[in-house]
Amino acid sequence: MKDILKNSLADMVGYQKDAVVSKTIIDKKTGTVTLFSFDQGQSLSEHTAPFDALVQVLDGEAEIIVSGKPFHLKQGEIIVMPANKPHALKGIQQFKMLLTMIRS
């Protein structure tokens, strides 16, 4: 059997001062699963993606803006960022998220 991963998602990526850190868990033609940690105040500027993306907040709090509308997410909450819609993310406090993007 291929690699089996058993771990706490939030523990798989650490915080770094004044930085956004990412760790790819799965990278296939059909989609990706990536962990991110954001230090407080760190952000990803507005951009689009050609596929729907699901964000699950694992720790902390974030502001996620989709098509100009802000959403405040806390640990355990999720949001779908629709394909081809502009979105941006910012750490209200330190936060960790799991980003799942399905390409097919």
PDB file of N, CA and C in Angstrom:
ATOM      1  N   MET A   1       0.852  -1.175   0.000  1.00  0.00           N
ATOM      2  CA  MET A   1       0.000   0.000   0.000  1.00  0.00           C
ATOM      3  C   MET A   1       0.894   1.234   0.000  1.00  0.00           C
ATOM      4  N   LYS A   2       0.463   2.271  -0.738  1.00  0.00           N
ATOM      5  CA  LYS A   2       1.232   3.510  -0.787  1.00  0.00           C
ATOM      6  C   LYS A   2       1.273   4.168   0.584  1.00  0.00           C
ATOM      7  N   ASP A   3       1.968   5.284   0.648  1.00  0.00           N
ATOM      8  CA  ASP A   3       2.118   5.997   1.911  1.00  0.00           C
ATOM      9  C   ASP A   3       0.771   6.221   2.592  1.00  0.00           C
ATOM     10  N   ILE A   4       0.712   5.891   3.846  1.00  0.00           N
ATOM     11  CA  ILE A   4      -0.470   6.152   4.658  1.00  0.00           C
ATOM     12  C   ILE A   4      -0.108   7.252   5.626  1.00  0.00           C
ATOM     13  N   LEU A   5      -0.967   8.268   5.686  1.00  0.00           N
ATOM     14  CA  LEU A   5      -0.699   9.423   6.520  1.00  0.00           C
ATOM     15  C   LEU A   5      -1.700   9.454   7.666  1.00  0.00           C
ATOM     16  N   LYS A   6      -1.187   9.430   8.879  1.00  0.00           N
ATOM     17  CA  LYS A   6      -2.053   9.564  10.048  1.00  0.00           C
ATOM     18  C   LYS A   6      -1.402  10.594  10.950  1.00  0.00           C
ATOM     19  N   ASN A   7      -2.060  11.714  11.092  1.00  0.00           N
ATOM     20  CA  ASN A   7      -1.477  12.801  11.862  1.00  0.00           C
ATOM     21  C   ASN A   7      -2.552  13.842  12.124  1.00  0.00           C
ATOM     22  N   SER A   8      -2.321  14.721  13.062  1.00  0.00           N
ATOM     23  CA  SER A   8      -3.197  15.867  13.288  1.00  0.00           C
ATOM     24  C   SER A   8      -2.858  16.919  12.236  1.00  0.00           C
ATOM     25  N   LEU A   9      -3.838  17.321  11.437  1.00  0.00           N
ATOM     26  CA  LEU A   9      -3.578  18.298  10.378  1.00  0.00           C
ATOM     27  C   LEU A   9      -2.959  19.578  10.919  1.00  0.00           C
ATOM     28  N   ALA A  10      -3.513  20.112  11.979  1.00  0.00           N
ATOM     29  CA  ALA A  10      -3.016  21.378  12.516  1.00  0.00           C
ATOM     30  C   ALA A  10      -1.570  21.281  12.972  1.00  0.00           C
ATOM     31  N   ASP A  11      -1.132  20.091  13.366  1.00  0.00           N
ATOM     32  CA  ASP A  11       0.246  19.921  13.831  1.00  0.00           C
ATOM     33  C   ASP A  11       1.238  19.733  12.687  1.00  0.00           C
ATOM     34  N   MET A  12       0.743  19.565  11.470  1.00  0.00           N
ATOM     35  CA  MET A  12       1.628  19.276  10.341  1.00  0.00           C
ATOM     36  C   MET A  12       2.257  20.512   9.714  1.00  0.00           C
ATOM     37  N   VAL A  13       1.800  21.698  10.105  1.00  0.00           N
ATOM     38  CA  VAL A  13       2.390  22.943   9.609  1.00  0.00           C
ATOM     39  C   VAL A  13       2.477  23.912  10.784  1.00  0.00           C
ATOM     40  N   GLY A  14       3.627  24.558  10.911  1.00  0.00           N
ATOM     41  CA  GLY A  14       3.840  25.462  12.040  1.00  0.00           C
ATOM     42  C   GLY A  14       3.682  26.916  11.640  1.00  0.00           C
ATOM     43  N   TYR A  15       3.584  27.771  12.647  1.00  0.00           N
ATOM     44  CA  TYR A  15       3.543  29.208  12.419  1.00  0.00           C
ATOM     45  C   TYR A  15       4.968  29.735  12.300  1.00  0.00           C
ATOM     46  N   GLN A  16       5.159  30.734  11.449  1.00  0.00           N
ATOM     47  CA  GLN A  16       6.427  31.450  11.355  1.00  0.00           C
ATOM     48  C   GLN A  16       6.131  32.939  11.405  1.00  0.00           C
ATOM     49  N   LYS A  17       6.948  33.667  12.144  1.00  0.00           N
ATOM     50  CA  LYS A  17       6.723  35.105  12.324  1.00  0.00           C
ATOM     51  C   LYS A  17       6.707  35.815  10.971  1.00  0.00           C
ATOM     52  N   ASP A  18       5.682  36.648  10.785  1.00  0.00           N
ATOM     53  CA  ASP A  18       5.527  37.477   9.584  1.00  0.00           C
ATOM     54  C   ASP A  18       5.531  36.669   8.289  1.00  0.00           C
ATOM     55  N   ALA A  19       4.943  35.468   8.314  1.00  0.00           N
ATOM     56  CA  ALA A  19       5.004  34.614   7.117  1.00  0.00           C
ATOM     57  C   ALA A  19       3.733  33.810   6.920  1.00  0.00           C
ATOM     58  N   VAL A  20       3.577  33.371   5.670  1.00  0.00           N
ATOM     59  CA  VAL A  20       2.576  32.376   5.295  1.00  0.00           C
ATOM     60  C   VAL A  20       3.361  31.128   4.933  1.00  0.00           C
ATOM     61  N   VAL A  21       3.006  29.996   5.532  1.00  0.00           N
ATOM     62  CA  VAL A  21       3.697  28.730   5.299  1.00  0.00           C
ATOM     63  C   VAL A  21       2.716  27.759   4.663  1.00  0.00           C
ATOM     64  N   SER A  22       3.172  27.000   3.672  1.00  0.00           N
ATOM     65  CA  SER A  22       2.298  25.993   3.062  1.00  0.00           C
ATOM     66  C   SER A  22       2.992  24.647   3.005  1.00  0.00           C
ATOM     67  N   LYS A  23       2.181  23.608   3.045  1.00  0.00           N
ATOM     68  CA  LYS A  23       2.687  22.235   2.954  1.00  0.00           C
ATOM     69  C   LYS A  23       1.689  21.427   2.136  1.00  0.00           C
ATOM     70  N   THR A  24       2.143  20.923   1.007  1.00  0.00           N
ATOM     71  CA  THR A  24       1.281  20.130   0.143  1.00  0.00           C
ATOM     72  C   THR A  24       1.152  18.718   0.703  1.00  0.00           C
ATOM     73  N   ILE A  25      -0.089  18.254   0.841  1.00  0.00           N
ATOM     74  CA  ILE A  25      -0.368  16.915   1.346  1.00  0.00           C
ATOM     75  C   ILE A  25      -0.637  15.971   0.177  1.00  0.00           C
ATOM     76  N   ILE A  26      -1.442  16.439  -0.786  1.00  0.00           N
ATOM     77  CA  ILE A  26      -1.755  15.649  -1.980  1.00  0.00           C
ATOM     78  C   ILE A  26      -1.646  16.575  -3.188  1.00  0.00           C
ATOM     79  N   ASP A  27      -0.978  16.102  -4.237  1.00  0.00           N
ATOM     80  CA  ASP A  27      -0.862  16.862  -5.481  1.00  0.00           C
ATOM     81  C   ASP A  27      -1.042  15.894  -6.644  1.00  0.00           C
ATOM     82  N   LYS A  28      -2.256  15.869  -7.167  1.00  0.00           N
ATOM     83  CA  LYS A  28      -2.615  14.959  -8.267  1.00  0.00           C
ATOM     84  C   LYS A  28      -3.215  15.767  -9.408  1.00  0.00           C
ATOM     85  N   LYS A  29      -3.323  15.145 -10.582  1.00  0.00           N
ATOM     86  CA  LYS A  29      -3.970  15.801 -11.715  1.00  0.00           C
ATOM     87  C   LYS A  29      -5.396  16.211 -11.377  1.00  0.00           C
ATOM     88  N   THR A  30      -6.054  15.425 -10.550  1.00  0.00           N
ATOM     89  CA  THR A  30      -7.464  15.656 -10.224  1.00  0.00           C
ATOM     90  C   THR A  30      -7.685  16.646  -9.089  1.00  0.00           C
ATOM     91  N   GLY A  31      -6.635  17.013  -8.360  1.00  0.00           N
ATOM     92  CA  GLY A  31      -6.805  17.983  -7.294  1.00  0.00           C
ATOM     93  C   GLY A  31      -5.641  18.037  -6.328  1.00  0.00           C
ATOM     94  N   THR A  32      -5.725  19.001  -5.425  1.00  0.00           N
ATOM     95  CA  THR A  32      -4.678  19.191  -4.421  1.00  0.00           C
ATOM     96  C   THR A  32      -5.292  19.380  -3.043  1.00  0.00           C
ATOM     97  N   VAL A  33      -4.516  19.022  -2.037  1.00  0.00           N
ATOM     98  CA  VAL A  33      -4.837  19.296  -0.644  1.00  0.00           C
ATOM     99  C   VAL A  33      -3.593  19.929  -0.047  1.00  0.00           C
ATOM    100  N   THR A  34      -3.753  21.156   0.470  1.00  0.00           N
ATOM    101  CA  THR A  34      -2.607  21.905   0.972  1.00  0.00           C
ATOM    102  C   THR A  34      -2.934  22.512   2.328  1.00  0.00           C
ATOM    103  N   LEU A  35      -1.997  22.407   3.255  1.00  0.00           N
ATOM    104  CA  LEU A  35      -2.107  23.051   4.560  1.00  0.00           C
ATOM    105  C   LEU A  35      -1.422  24.408   4.499  1.00  0.00           C
ATOM    106  N   PHE A  36      -1.999  25.387   5.176  1.00  0.00           N
ATOM    107  CA  PHE A  36      -1.390  26.713   5.267  1.00  0.00           C
ATOM    108  C   PHE A  36      -1.411  27.174   6.716  1.00  0.00           C
ATOM    109  N   SER A  37      -0.400  27.952   7.095  1.00  0.00           N
ATOM    110  CA  SER A  37      -0.445  28.704   8.346  1.00  0.00           C
ATOM    111  C   SER A  37      -0.126  30.163   8.017  1.00  0.00           C
ATOM    112  N   PHE A  38      -0.874  31.061   8.628  1.00  0.00           N
ATOM    113  CA  PHE A  38      -0.701  32.492   8.440  1.00  0.00           C
ATOM    114  C   PHE A  38      -0.393  33.125   9.787  1.00  0.00           C
ATOM    115  N   ASP A  39       0.657  33.906   9.861  1.00  0.00           N
ATOM    116  CA  ASP A  39       0.877  34.688  11.066  1.00  0.00           C
ATOM    117  C   ASP A  39      -0.173  35.802  11.086  1.00  0.00           C
ATOM    118  N   GLN A  40      -0.439  36.356  12.248  1.00  0.00           N
ATOM    119  CA  GLN A  40      -1.431  37.418  12.363  1.00  0.00           C
ATOM    120  C   GLN A  40      -1.101  38.540  11.387  1.00  0.00           C
ATOM    121  N   GLY A  41      -2.110  38.981  10.632  1.00  0.00           N
ATOM    122  CA  GLY A  41      -1.937  40.074   9.694  1.00  0.00           C
ATOM    123  C   GLY A  41      -1.410  39.670   8.332  1.00  0.00           C
ATOM    124  N   GLN A  42      -0.935  38.438   8.190  1.00  0.00           N
ATOM    125  CA  GLN A  42      -0.434  37.972   6.893  1.00  0.00           C
ATOM    126  C   GLN A  42      -1.613  37.647   5.986  1.00  0.00           C
ATOM    127  N   SER A  43      -1.393  37.749   4.675  1.00  0.00           N
ATOM    128  CA  SER A  43      -2.510  37.574   3.756  1.00  0.00           C
ATOM    129  C   SER A  43      -2.067  37.017   2.415  1.00  0.00           C
ATOM    130  N   LEU A  44      -3.060  36.590   1.647  1.00  0.00           N
ATOM    131  CA  LEU A  44      -2.895  36.286   0.237  1.00  0.00           C
ATOM    132  C   LEU A  44      -3.752  37.314  -0.493  1.00  0.00           C
ATOM    133  N   SER A  45      -3.156  38.054  -1.412  1.00  0.00           N
ATOM    134  CA  SER A  45      -3.881  39.101  -2.113  1.00  0.00           C
ATOM    135  C   SER A  45      -4.943  38.509  -3.037  1.00  0.00           C
ATOM    136  N   GLU A  46      -5.835  39.352  -3.470  1.00  0.00           N
ATOM    137  CA  GLU A  46      -6.944  38.917  -4.302  1.00  0.00           C
ATOM    138  C   GLU A  46      -6.447  38.228  -5.571  1.00  0.00           C
ATOM    139  N   HIS A  47      -7.060  37.096  -5.867  1.00  0.00           N
ATOM    140  CA  HIS A  47      -6.713  36.308  -7.047  1.00  0.00           C
ATOM    141  C   HIS A  47      -7.904  35.427  -7.400  1.00  0.00           C
ATOM    142  N   THR A  48      -7.814  34.730  -8.517  1.00  0.00           N
ATOM    143  CA  THR A  48      -8.852  33.772  -8.898  1.00  0.00           C
ATOM    144  C   THR A  48      -8.204  32.419  -9.135  1.00  0.00           C
ATOM    145  N   ALA A  49      -9.029  31.390  -9.136  1.00  0.00           N
ATOM    146  CA  ALA A  49      -8.580  30.034  -9.454  1.00  0.00           C
ATOM    147  C   ALA A  49      -9.603  29.430 -10.414  1.00  0.00           C
ATOM    148  N   PRO A  50      -9.152  28.570 -11.308  1.00  0.00           N
ATOM    149  CA  PRO A  50     -10.071  28.014 -12.300  1.00  0.00           C
ATOM    150  C   PRO A  50     -10.974  26.901 -11.778  1.00  0.00           C
ATOM    151  N   PHE A  51     -10.840  26.565 -10.488  1.00  0.00           N
ATOM    152  CA  PHE A  51     -11.616  25.477  -9.887  1.00  0.00           C
ATOM    153  C   PHE A  51     -12.174  25.923  -8.551  1.00  0.00           C
ATOM    154  N   ASP A  52     -13.291  25.303  -8.129  1.00  0.00           N
ATOM    155  CA  ASP A  52     -13.801  25.545  -6.784  1.00  0.00           C
ATOM    156  C   ASP A  52     -12.736  25.138  -5.772  1.00  0.00           C
ATOM    157  N   ALA A  53     -12.698  25.866  -4.656  1.00  0.00           N
ATOM    158  CA  ALA A  53     -11.762  25.539  -3.585  1.00  0.00           C
ATOM    159  C   ALA A  53     -12.504  25.558  -2.258  1.00  0.00           C
ATOM    160  N   LEU A  54     -12.255  24.561  -1.432  1.00  0.00           N
ATOM    161  CA  LEU A  54     -12.851  24.463  -0.107  1.00  0.00           C
ATOM    162  C   LEU A  54     -11.791  24.814   0.928  1.00  0.00           C
ATOM    163  N   VAL A  55     -12.099  25.759   1.794  1.00  0.00           N
ATOM    164  CA  VAL A  55     -11.208  26.138   2.893  1.00  0.00           C
ATOM    165  C   VAL A  55     -11.845  25.680   4.196  1.00  0.00           C
ATOM    166  N   GLN A  56     -11.053  24.971   5.004  1.00  0.00           N
ATOM    167  CA  GLN A  56     -11.467  24.582   6.353  1.00  0.00           C
ATOM    168  C   GLN A  56     -10.477  25.210   7.329  1.00  0.00           C
ATOM    169  N   VAL A  57     -10.963  26.048   8.234  1.00  0.00           N
ATOM    170  CA  VAL A  57     -10.096  26.675   9.226  1.00  0.00           C
ATOM    171  C   VAL A  57      -9.841  25.668  10.350  1.00  0.00           C
ATOM    172  N   LEU A  58      -8.570  25.367  10.569  1.00  0.00           N
ATOM    173  CA  LEU A  58      -8.169  24.378  11.578  1.00  0.00           C
ATOM    174  C   LEU A  58      -7.823  25.009  12.915  1.00  0.00           C
ATOM    175  N   ASP A  59      -7.420  26.294  12.888  1.00  0.00           N
ATOM    176  CA  ASP A  59      -6.983  26.977  14.105  1.00  0.00           C
ATOM    177  C   ASP A  59      -7.083  28.477  13.853  1.00  0.00           C
ATOM    178  N   GLY A  60      -7.445  29.247  14.868  1.00  0.00           N
ATOM    179  CA  GLY A  60      -7.438  30.693  14.762  1.00  0.00           C
ATOM    180  C   GLY A  60      -8.631  31.272  14.035  1.00  0.00           C
ATOM    181  N   GLU A  61      -8.423  32.493  13.495  1.00  0.00           N
ATOM    182  CA  GLU A  61      -9.496  33.216  12.821  1.00  0.00           C
ATOM    183  C   GLU A  61      -8.972  33.892  11.571  1.00  0.00           C
ATOM    184  N   ALA A  62      -9.818  33.915  10.533  1.00  0.00           N
ATOM    185  CA  ALA A  62      -9.425  34.508   9.259  1.00  0.00           C
ATOM    186  C   ALA A  62     -10.564  35.319   8.668  1.00  0.00           C
ATOM    187  N   GLU A  63     -10.187  36.295   7.853  1.00  0.00           N
ATOM    188  CA  GLU A  63     -11.152  36.982   7.018  1.00  0.00           C
ATOM    189  C   GLU A  63     -10.911  36.500   5.596  1.00  0.00           C
ATOM    190  N   ILE A  64     -11.963  35.993   4.982  1.00  0.00           N
ATOM    191  CA  ILE A  64     -11.889  35.531   3.604  1.00  0.00           C
ATOM    192  C   ILE A  64     -12.891  36.354   2.808  1.00  0.00           C
ATOM    193  N   ILE A  65     -12.388  37.011   1.775  1.00  0.00           N
ATOM    194  CA  ILE A  65     -13.227  37.863   0.945  1.00  0.00           C
ATOM    195  C   ILE A  65     -13.458  37.153  -0.381  1.00  0.00           C
ATOM    196  N   VAL A  66     -14.722  36.956  -0.731  1.00  0.00           N
ATOM    197  CA  VAL A  66     -15.092  36.306  -1.986  1.00  0.00           C
ATOM    198  C   VAL A  66     -15.978  37.271  -2.765  1.00  0.00           C
ATOM    199  N   SER A  67     -15.536  37.630  -3.950  1.00  0.00           N
ATOM    200  CA  SER A  67     -16.277  38.576  -4.810  1.00  0.00           C
ATOM    201  C   SER A  67     -16.641  39.850  -4.050  1.00  0.00           C
ATOM    202  N   GLY A  68     -15.698  40.357  -3.251  1.00  0.00           N
ATOM    203  CA  GLY A  68     -15.890  41.606  -2.527  1.00  0.00           C
ATOM    204  C   GLY A  68     -16.640  41.495  -1.217  1.00  0.00           C
ATOM    205  N   LYS A  69     -17.157  40.316  -0.884  1.00  0.00           N
ATOM    206  CA  LYS A  69     -17.923  40.132   0.348  1.00  0.00           C
ATOM    207  C   LYS A  69     -17.046  39.462   1.414  1.00  0.00           C
ATOM    208  N   PRO A  70     -16.871  40.104   2.587  1.00  0.00           N
ATOM    209  CA  PRO A  70     -16.027  39.526   3.633  1.00  0.00           C
ATOM    210  C   PRO A  70     -16.766  38.468   4.461  1.00  0.00           C
ATOM    211  N   PHE A  71     -16.035  37.423   4.821  1.00  0.00           N
ATOM    212  CA  PHE A  71     -16.540  36.366   5.693  1.00  0.00           C
ATOM    213  C   PHE A  71     -15.528  36.171   6.810  1.00  0.00           C
ATOM    214  N   HIS A  72     -16.001  36.114   8.047  1.00  0.00           N
ATOM    215  CA  HIS A  72     -15.157  35.897   9.221  1.00  0.00           C
ATOM    216  C   HIS A  72     -15.288  34.423   9.603  1.00  0.00           C
ATOM    217  N   LEU A  73     -14.188  33.687   9.506  1.00  0.00           N
ATOM    218  CA  LEU A  73     -14.221  32.251   9.810  1.00  0.00           C
ATOM    219  C   LEU A  73     -13.362  31.948  11.024  1.00  0.00           C
ATOM    220  N   LYS A  74     -13.850  31.003  11.834  1.00  0.00           N
ATOM    221  CA  LYS A  74     -13.134  30.535  13.023  1.00  0.00           C
ATOM    222  C   LYS A  74     -12.882  29.041  12.903  1.00  0.00           C
ATOM    223  N   GLN A  75     -12.107  28.539  13.830  1.00  0.00           N
ATOM    224  CA  GLN A  75     -11.767  27.115  13.859  1.00  0.00           C
ATOM    225  C   GLN A  75     -13.006  26.252  13.672  1.00  0.00           C
ATOM    226  N   GLY A  76     -12.900  25.279  12.745  1.00  0.00           N
ATOM    227  CA  GLY A  76     -13.979  24.343  12.495  1.00  0.00           C
ATOM    228  C   GLY A  76     -14.946  24.768  11.406  1.00  0.00           C
ATOM    229  N   GLU A  77     -14.839  26.018  10.935  1.00  0.00           N
ATOM    230  CA  GLU A  77     -15.755  26.500   9.903  1.00  0.00           C
ATOM    231  C   GLU A  77     -15.147  26.321   8.514  1.00  0.00           C
ATOM    232  N   ILE A  78     -16.038  26.255   7.509  1.00  0.00           N
ATOM    233  CA  ILE A  78     -15.597  26.065   6.128  1.00  0.00           C
ATOM    234  C   ILE A  78     -16.265  27.091   5.220  1.00  0.00           C
ATOM    235  N   ILE A  79     -15.652  27.285   4.050  1.00  0.00           N
ATOM    236  CA  ILE A  79     -16.235  28.127   3.015  1.00  0.00           C
ATOM    237  C   ILE A  79     -15.781  27.572   1.666  1.00  0.00           C
ATOM    238  N   VAL A  80     -16.667  27.678   0.686  1.00  0.00           N
ATOM    239  CA  VAL A  80     -16.317  27.313  -0.681  1.00  0.00           C
ATOM    240  C   VAL A  80     -16.056  28.608  -1.443  1.00  0.00           C
ATOM    241  N   MET A  81     -14.897  28.670  -2.080  1.00  0.00           N
ATOM    242  CA  MET A  81     -14.564  29.800  -2.931  1.00  0.00           C
ATOM    243  C   MET A  81     -14.809  29.334  -4.367  1.00  0.00           C
ATOM    244  N   PRO A  82     -15.859  29.848  -5.022  1.00  0.00           N
ATOM    245  CA  PRO A  82     -16.218  29.362  -6.357  1.00  0.00           C
ATOM    246  C   PRO A  82     -15.150  29.653  -7.411  1.00  0.00           C
ATOM    247  N   ALA A  83     -15.087  28.786  -8.398  1.00  0.00           N
ATOM    248  CA  ALA A  83     -14.151  28.945  -9.508  1.00  0.00           C
ATOM    249  C   ALA A  83     -14.350  30.300 -10.176  1.00  0.00           C
ATOM    250  N   ASN A  84     -13.236  30.904 -10.554  1.00  0.00           N
ATOM    251  CA  ASN A  84     -13.207  32.153 -11.334  1.00  0.00           C
ATOM    252  C   ASN A  84     -13.801  33.362 -10.620  1.00  0.00           C
ATOM    253  N   LYS A  85     -14.017  33.267  -9.309  1.00  0.00           N
ATOM    254  CA  LYS A  85     -14.478  34.406  -8.518  1.00  0.00           C
ATOM    255  C   LYS A  85     -13.282  34.938  -7.723  1.00  0.00           C
ATOM    256  N   PRO A  86     -13.067  36.252  -7.706  1.00  0.00           N
ATOM    257  CA  PRO A  86     -11.920  36.784  -6.955  1.00  0.00           C
ATOM    258  C   PRO A  86     -12.068  36.526  -5.462  1.00  0.00           C
ATOM    259  N   HIS A  87     -10.955  36.161  -4.836  1.00  0.00           N
ATOM    260  CA  HIS A  87     -10.962  35.924  -3.398  1.00  0.00           C
ATOM    261  C   HIS A  87      -9.604  36.299  -2.800  1.00  0.00           C
ATOM    262  N   ALA A  88      -9.615  36.600  -1.512  1.00  0.00           N
ATOM    263  CA  ALA A  88      -8.409  36.965  -0.766  1.00  0.00           C
ATOM    264  C   ALA A  88      -8.559  36.444   0.652  1.00  0.00           C
ATOM    265  N   LEU A  89      -7.422  36.247   1.341  1.00  0.00           N
ATOM    266  CA  LEU A  89      -7.440  35.720   2.709  1.00  0.00           C
ATOM    267  C   LEU A  89      -6.509  36.544   3.589  1.00  0.00           C
ATOM    268  N   LYS A  90      -6.919  36.737   4.843  1.00  0.00           N
ATOM    269  CA  LYS A  90      -6.091  37.474   5.793  1.00  0.00           C
ATOM    270  C   LYS A  90      -6.262  36.895   7.184  1.00  0.00           C
ATOM    271  N   GLY A  91      -5.160  36.801   7.912  1.00  0.00           N
ATOM    272  CA  GLY A  91      -5.191  36.321   9.287  1.00  0.00           C
ATOM    273  C   GLY A  91      -5.620  37.413  10.245  1.00  0.00           C
ATOM    274  N   ILE A  92      -6.801  37.279  10.819  1.00  0.00           N
ATOM    275  CA  ILE A  92      -7.245  38.203  11.862  1.00  0.00           C
ATOM    276  C   ILE A  92      -6.371  37.988  13.086  1.00  0.00           C
ATOM    277  N   GLN A  93      -6.105  36.733  13.354  1.00  0.00           N
ATOM    278  CA  GLN A  93      -5.087  36.301  14.307  1.00  0.00           C
ATOM    279  C   GLN A  93      -4.361  35.171  13.584  1.00  0.00           C
ATOM    280  N   GLN A  94      -3.371  34.586  14.201  1.00  0.00           N
ATOM    281  CA  GLN A  94      -2.741  33.436  13.555  1.00  0.00           C
ATOM    282  C   GLN A  94      -3.826  32.436  13.187  1.00  0.00           C
ATOM    283  N   PHE A  95      -3.704  31.848  11.991  1.00  0.00           N
ATOM    284  CA  PHE A  95      -4.658  30.804  11.657  1.00  0.00           C
ATOM    285  C   PHE A  95      -4.037  29.778  10.729  1.00  0.00           C
ATOM    286  N   LYS A  96      -4.619  28.582  10.785  1.00  0.00           N
ATOM    287  CA  LYS A  96      -4.219  27.476   9.917  1.00  0.00           C
ATOM    288  C   LYS A  96      -5.445  27.031   9.143  1.00  0.00           C
ATOM    289  N   MET A  97      -5.209  26.636   7.892  1.00  0.00           N
ATOM    290  CA  MET A  97      -6.332  26.184   7.075  1.00  0.00           C
ATOM    291  C   MET A  97      -5.907  25.021   6.199  1.00  0.00           C
ATOM    292  N   LEU A  98      -6.905  24.242   5.817  1.00  0.00           N
ATOM    293  CA  LEU A  98      -6.733  23.174   4.846  1.00  0.00           C
ATOM    294  C   LEU A  98      -7.457  23.607   3.587  1.00  0.00           C
ATOM    295  N   LEU A  99      -6.735  23.657   2.471  1.00  0.00           N
ATOM    296  CA  LEU A  99      -7.301  24.053   1.184  1.00  0.00           C
ATOM    297  C   LEU A  99      -7.405  22.811   0.301  1.00  0.00           C
ATOM    298  N   THR A 100      -8.626  22.520  -0.129  1.00  0.00           N
ATOM    299  CA  THR A 100      -8.867  21.373  -1.023  1.00  0.00           C
ATOM    300  C   THR A 100      -9.405  21.902  -2.338  1.00  0.00           C
ATOM    301  N   MET A 101      -8.694  21.596  -3.422  1.00  0.00           N
ATOM    302  CA  MET A 101      -9.122  22.027  -4.741  1.00  0.00           C
ATOM    303  C   MET A 101      -9.269  20.796  -5.618  1.00  0.00           C
ATOM    304  N   ILE A 102     -10.462  20.617  -6.163  1.00  0.00           N
ATOM    305  CA  ILE A 102     -10.753  19.494  -7.056  1.00  0.00           C
ATOM    306  C   ILE A 102     -10.783  20.010  -8.485  1.00  0.00           C
ATOM    307  N   ARG A 103      -9.996  19.386  -9.349  1.00  0.00           N
ATOM    308  CA  ARG A 103      -9.855  19.884 -10.718  1.00  0.00           C
ATOM    309  C   ARG A 103     -10.776  19.198 -11.715  1.00  0.00           C
ATOM    310  N   SER A 104     -11.438  18.148 -11.314  1.00  0.00           N
ATOM    311  CA  SER A 104     -12.299  17.465 -12.291  1.00  0.00           C
ATOM    312  C   SER A 104     -13.646  17.138 -11.674  1.00  0.00           C
TER     313      SER A 104
END
